[in-house]
Amino acid sequence: METKLQLPADFEPRCRWRREEHQYVLKVHLKGFKKDQIRVFVNDQGKLRISGKRPIDEKNVESFSKRIEVPKDCKSDRIKAKLSNGVLRLTMPKKTHSHVTRNQAAATAGRKTLKLGVGAVAVVLVAAAAAVEAYVAFKYRQCFF
């Protein structure tokens, strides 16, 4: 029986970062790799790990492992990866930040803001309309009794 001797031919893939307005983009050059030969993981500490292994011939494999710190202002649960033409493209959306001035922060200090969805707004409007209708009916009744 013939056994395969797997000698790792480790390499460091070339990477390029690009910062865009709403996201970060990392391009990792992995010529010759297929989608099922690559793994991408994000752990709880915000570390991104990209690894892969592919056969070169009957006895040798080519492998890599890359660890990258995810930027602090990135939504690590929304990272997406796509392999196309030997380039793994990872998109990391940025967290949205509202820019508040000192005056706005001082004016809203101590107040809590409630954000309502469309359904909640509709319920509030219906309740307000019902309250106005009840008030008008009450006042109308007082005029005639």
C-alpha atoms as a PDB file:
ATOM      1  CA  MET A   1       0.000   0.000   0.000  1.00  0.00           C
ATOM      2  CA  GLU A   2       1.360   3.402  -0.972  1.00  0.00           C
ATOM      3  CA  THR A   3       1.230   6.180   1.608  1.00  0.00           C
ATOM      4  CA  LYS A   4       1.067   9.848   0.766  1.00  0.00           C
ATOM      5  CA  LEU A   5       3.772  11.963   2.274  1.00  0.00           C
ATOM      6  CA  GLN A   6       2.400  15.444   2.800  1.00  0.00           C
ATOM      7  CA  LEU A   7       5.115  18.048   3.087  1.00  0.00           C
ATOM      8  CA  PRO A   8       3.686  21.479   3.700  1.00  0.00           C
ATOM      9  CA  ALA A   9       4.849  24.156   1.337  1.00  0.00           C
ATOM     10  CA  ASP A  10       3.709  27.071   3.504  1.00  0.00           C
ATOM     11  CA  PHE A  11       3.550  30.518   2.021  1.00  0.00           C
ATOM     12  CA  GLU A  12       2.403  33.988   3.036  1.00  0.00           C
ATOM     13  CA  PRO A  13      -0.374  35.221   0.718  1.00  0.00           C
ATOM     14  CA  ARG A  14      -0.204  38.805  -0.498  1.00  0.00           C
ATOM     15  CA  CYS A  15      -2.885  40.971   1.129  1.00  0.00           C
ATOM     16  CA  ARG A  16      -4.174  44.473   0.432  1.00  0.00           C
ATOM     17  CA  TRP A  17      -6.362  46.588   2.730  1.00  0.00           C
ATOM     18  CA  ARG A  18      -8.664  49.295   1.484  1.00  0.00           C
ATOM     19  CA  ARG A  19     -10.721  51.563   3.711  1.00  0.00           C
ATOM     20  CA  GLU A  20     -13.967  52.763   2.188  1.00  0.00           C
ATOM     21  CA  GLU A  21     -16.629  55.054   3.626  1.00  0.00           C
ATOM     22  CA  HIS A  22     -18.889  52.295   4.979  1.00  0.00           C
ATOM     23  CA  GLN A  23     -16.641  49.236   5.001  1.00  0.00           C
ATOM     24  CA  TYR A  24     -13.152  47.775   4.989  1.00  0.00           C
ATOM     25  CA  VAL A  25     -12.054  45.548   2.130  1.00  0.00           C
ATOM     26  CA  LEU A  26      -9.280  42.969   2.409  1.00  0.00           C
ATOM     27  CA  LYS A  27      -8.059  41.248  -0.746  1.00  0.00           C
ATOM     28  CA  VAL A  28      -6.014  38.072  -0.287  1.00  0.00           C
ATOM     29  CA  HIS A  29      -4.293  36.695  -3.403  1.00  0.00           C
ATOM     30  CA  LEU A  30      -4.734  32.908  -3.498  1.00  0.00           C
ATOM     31  CA  LYS A  31      -4.013  31.827  -7.070  1.00  0.00           C
ATOM     32  CA  GLY A  32      -4.878  28.180  -7.654  1.00  0.00           C
ATOM     33  CA  PHE A  33      -7.102  27.757  -4.596  1.00  0.00           C
ATOM     34  CA  LYS A  34     -10.738  26.710  -4.825  1.00  0.00           C
ATOM     35  CA  LYS A  35     -13.555  27.819  -2.547  1.00  0.00           C
ATOM     36  CA  ASP A  36     -13.715  24.493  -0.672  1.00  0.00           C
ATOM     37  CA  GLN A  37      -9.958  24.650   0.089  1.00  0.00           C
ATOM     38  CA  ILE A  38     -10.241  27.914   2.065  1.00  0.00           C
ATOM     39  CA  ARG A  39     -11.591  28.534   5.576  1.00  0.00           C
ATOM     40  CA  VAL A  40     -12.470  31.914   7.101  1.00  0.00           C
ATOM     41  CA  PHE A  41     -13.250  32.250  10.833  1.00  0.00           C
ATOM     42  CA  VAL A  42     -13.815  35.150  13.220  1.00  0.00           C
ATOM     43  CA  ASN A  43     -13.377  34.372  16.912  1.00  0.00           C
ATOM     44  CA  ASP A  44     -14.938  36.142  19.911  1.00  0.00           C
ATOM     45  CA  GLN A  45     -11.864  38.336  20.437  1.00  0.00           C
ATOM     46  CA  GLY A  46     -12.211  39.930  16.996  1.00  0.00           C
ATOM     47  CA  LYS A  47      -9.444  37.948  15.316  1.00  0.00           C
ATOM     48  CA  LEU A  48      -9.954  36.880  11.725  1.00  0.00           C
ATOM     49  CA  ARG A  49      -8.278  33.648  10.635  1.00  0.00           C
ATOM     50  CA  ILE A  50      -7.933  32.727   6.983  1.00  0.00           C
ATOM     51  CA  SER A  51      -6.401  29.358   6.152  1.00  0.00           C
ATOM     52  CA  GLY A  52      -6.215  27.012   3.231  1.00  0.00           C
ATOM     53  CA  LYS A  53      -4.648  23.884   1.881  1.00  0.00           C
ATOM     54  CA  ARG A  54      -4.502  22.486  -1.641  1.00  0.00           C
ATOM     55  CA  PRO A  55      -2.634  19.631  -3.285  1.00  0.00           C
ATOM     56  CA  ILE A  56       0.283  20.543  -5.514  1.00  0.00           C
ATOM     57  CA  ASP A  57       0.942  17.003  -6.712  1.00  0.00           C
ATOM     58  CA  GLU A  58       0.498  13.475  -5.340  1.00  0.00           C
ATOM     59  CA  LYS A  59       2.916  14.018  -2.451  1.00  0.00           C
ATOM     60  CA  ASN A  60       2.890  17.727  -1.670  1.00  0.00           C
ATOM     61  CA  VAL A  61       0.375  20.257  -0.470  1.00  0.00           C
ATOM     62  CA  GLU A  62       0.495  24.036  -0.372  1.00  0.00           C
ATOM     63  CA  SER A  63      -0.943  25.650   2.743  1.00  0.00           C
ATOM     64  CA  PHE A  64      -1.210  28.987   4.468  1.00  0.00           C
ATOM     65  CA  SER A  65      -2.652  30.461   7.622  1.00  0.00           C
ATOM     66  CA  LYS A  66      -3.152  34.161   8.207  1.00  0.00           C
ATOM     67  CA  ARG A  67      -4.402  35.872  11.361  1.00  0.00           C
ATOM     68  CA  ILE A  68      -5.673  39.420  11.180  1.00  0.00           C
ATOM     69  CA  GLU A  69      -7.092  41.743  13.832  1.00  0.00           C
ATOM     70  CA  VAL A  70     -10.538  42.965  12.819  1.00  0.00           C
ATOM     71  CA  PRO A  71     -10.840  46.779  13.149  1.00  0.00           C
ATOM     72  CA  LYS A  72     -12.696  47.874  16.301  1.00  0.00           C
ATOM     73  CA  ASP A  73     -15.302  49.825  14.318  1.00  0.00           C
ATOM     74  CA  CYS A  74     -16.200  46.784  12.222  1.00  0.00           C
ATOM     75  CA  LYS A  75     -19.328  44.635  12.500  1.00  0.00           C
ATOM     76  CA  SER A  76     -17.538  41.299  12.888  1.00  0.00           C
ATOM     77  CA  ASP A  77     -20.794  39.333  12.603  1.00  0.00           C
ATOM     78  CA  ARG A  78     -21.409  40.775   9.120  1.00  0.00           C
ATOM     79  CA  ILE A  79     -18.077  39.922   7.447  1.00  0.00           C
ATOM     80  CA  LYS A  80     -18.519  38.405   3.992  1.00  0.00           C
ATOM     81  CA  ALA A  81     -15.994  36.560   1.835  1.00  0.00           C
ATOM     82  CA  LYS A  82     -16.018  35.838  -1.901  1.00  0.00           C
ATOM     83  CA  LEU A  83     -13.398  34.048  -4.012  1.00  0.00           C
ATOM     84  CA  SER A  84     -13.110  35.197  -7.618  1.00  0.00           C
ATOM     85  CA  ASN A  85     -10.232  34.769 -10.085  1.00  0.00           C
ATOM     86  CA  GLY A  86      -7.782  33.708  -7.383  1.00  0.00           C
ATOM     87  CA  VAL A  87      -8.552  36.657  -5.098  1.00  0.00           C
ATOM     88  CA  LEU A  88     -10.419  36.227  -1.822  1.00  0.00           C
ATOM     89  CA  ARG A  89     -12.310  39.464  -1.147  1.00  0.00           C
ATOM     90  CA  LEU A  90     -13.473  40.059   2.421  1.00  0.00           C
ATOM     91  CA  THR A  91     -15.844  42.937   3.120  1.00  0.00           C
ATOM     92  CA  MET A  92     -16.175  44.168   6.690  1.00  0.00           C
ATOM     93  CA  PRO A  93     -18.973  46.710   7.221  1.00  0.00           C
ATOM     94  CA  LYS A  94     -18.239  49.536   9.634  1.00  0.00           C
ATOM     95  CA  LYS A  95     -20.441  50.234  12.630  1.00  0.00           C
ATOM     96  CA  THR A  96     -22.524  53.347  12.138  1.00  0.00           C
ATOM     97  CA  HIS A  97     -21.723  56.211  14.479  1.00  0.00           C
ATOM     98  CA  SER A  98     -23.823  59.293  14.923  1.00  0.00           C
ATOM     99  CA  HIS A  99     -21.720  62.403  15.195  1.00  0.00           C
ATOM    100  CA  VAL A 100     -23.042  64.379  18.162  1.00  0.00           C
ATOM    101  CA  THR A 101     -21.728  67.803  19.080  1.00  0.00           C
ATOM    102  CA  ARG A 102     -21.058  68.800  22.683  1.00  0.00           C
ATOM    103  CA  ASN A 103     -24.092  71.100  22.671  1.00  0.00           C
ATOM    104  CA  GLN A 104     -26.358  68.317  21.416  1.00  0.00           C
ATOM    105  CA  ALA A 105     -24.952  65.914  24.009  1.00  0.00           C
ATOM    106  CA  ALA A 106     -25.497  68.462  26.814  1.00  0.00           C
ATOM    107  CA  ALA A 107     -29.042  69.215  25.640  1.00  0.00           C
ATOM    108  CA  THR A 108     -29.984  65.531  25.599  1.00  0.00           C
ATOM    109  CA  ALA A 109     -28.150  64.602  28.818  1.00  0.00           C
ATOM    110  CA  GLY A 110     -30.463  62.790  31.182  1.00  0.00           C
ATOM    111  CA  ARG A 111     -33.046  62.112  28.471  1.00  0.00           C
ATOM    112  CA  LYS A 112     -33.508  58.762  26.849  1.00  0.00           C
ATOM    113  CA  THR A 113     -34.426  58.516  23.215  1.00  0.00           C
ATOM    114  CA  LEU A 114     -36.893  55.871  22.144  1.00  0.00           C
ATOM    115  CA  LYS A 115     -36.542  54.576  18.607  1.00  0.00           C
ATOM    116  CA  LEU A 116     -39.781  53.251  17.186  1.00  0.00           C
ATOM    117  CA  GLY A 117     -40.280  51.079  14.141  1.00  0.00           C
ATOM    118  CA  VAL A 118     -42.957  51.760  11.516  1.00  0.00           C
ATOM    119  CA  GLY A 119     -45.451  49.418  13.231  1.00  0.00           C
ATOM    120  CA  ALA A 120     -44.983  51.107  16.614  1.00  0.00           C
ATOM    121  CA  VAL A 121     -45.457  54.544  15.053  1.00  0.00           C
ATOM    122  CA  ALA A 122     -48.712  53.369  13.450  1.00  0.00           C
ATOM    123  CA  VAL A 123     -49.969  52.088  16.826  1.00  0.00           C
ATOM    124  CA  VAL A 124     -49.096  55.413  18.484  1.00  0.00           C
ATOM    125  CA  LEU A 125     -50.914  57.357  15.753  1.00  0.00           C
ATOM    126  CA  VAL A 126     -54.036  55.168  16.039  1.00  0.00           C
ATOM    127  CA  ALA A 127     -54.020  55.564  19.828  1.00  0.00           C
ATOM    128  CA  ALA A 128     -53.634  59.345  19.497  1.00  0.00           C
ATOM    129  CA  ALA A 129     -56.500  59.498  16.995  1.00  0.00           C
ATOM    130  CA  ALA A 130     -58.707  57.458  19.328  1.00  0.00           C
ATOM    131  CA  ALA A 131     -57.853  59.759  22.241  1.00  0.00           C
ATOM    132  CA  VAL A 132     -58.730  62.861  20.200  1.00  0.00           C
ATOM    133  CA  GLU A 133     -61.985  61.269  19.088  1.00  0.00           C
ATOM    134  CA  ALA A 134     -62.898  60.389  22.680  1.00  0.00           C
ATOM    135  CA  TYR A 135     -62.098  63.945  23.830  1.00  0.00           C
ATOM    136  CA  VAL A 136     -64.217  65.509  21.066  1.00  0.00           C
ATOM    137  CA  ALA A 137     -67.125  63.160  21.879  1.00  0.00           C
ATOM    138  CA  PHE A 138     -66.847  64.057  25.584  1.00  0.00           C
ATOM    139  CA  LYS A 139     -66.828  67.809  24.884  1.00  0.00           C
ATOM    140  CA  TYR A 140     -69.647  67.438  22.349  1.00  0.00           C
ATOM    141  CA  ARG A 141     -71.768  65.638  24.970  1.00  0.00           C
ATOM    142  CA  GLN A 142     -71.142  68.426  27.522  1.00  0.00           C
ATOM    143  CA  CYS A 143     -72.517  71.027  25.129  1.00  0.00           C
ATOM    144  CA  PHE A 144     -75.896  69.332  24.809  1.00  0.00           C
ATOM    145  CA  PHE A 145     -76.486  68.098  28.375  1.00  0.00           C
END
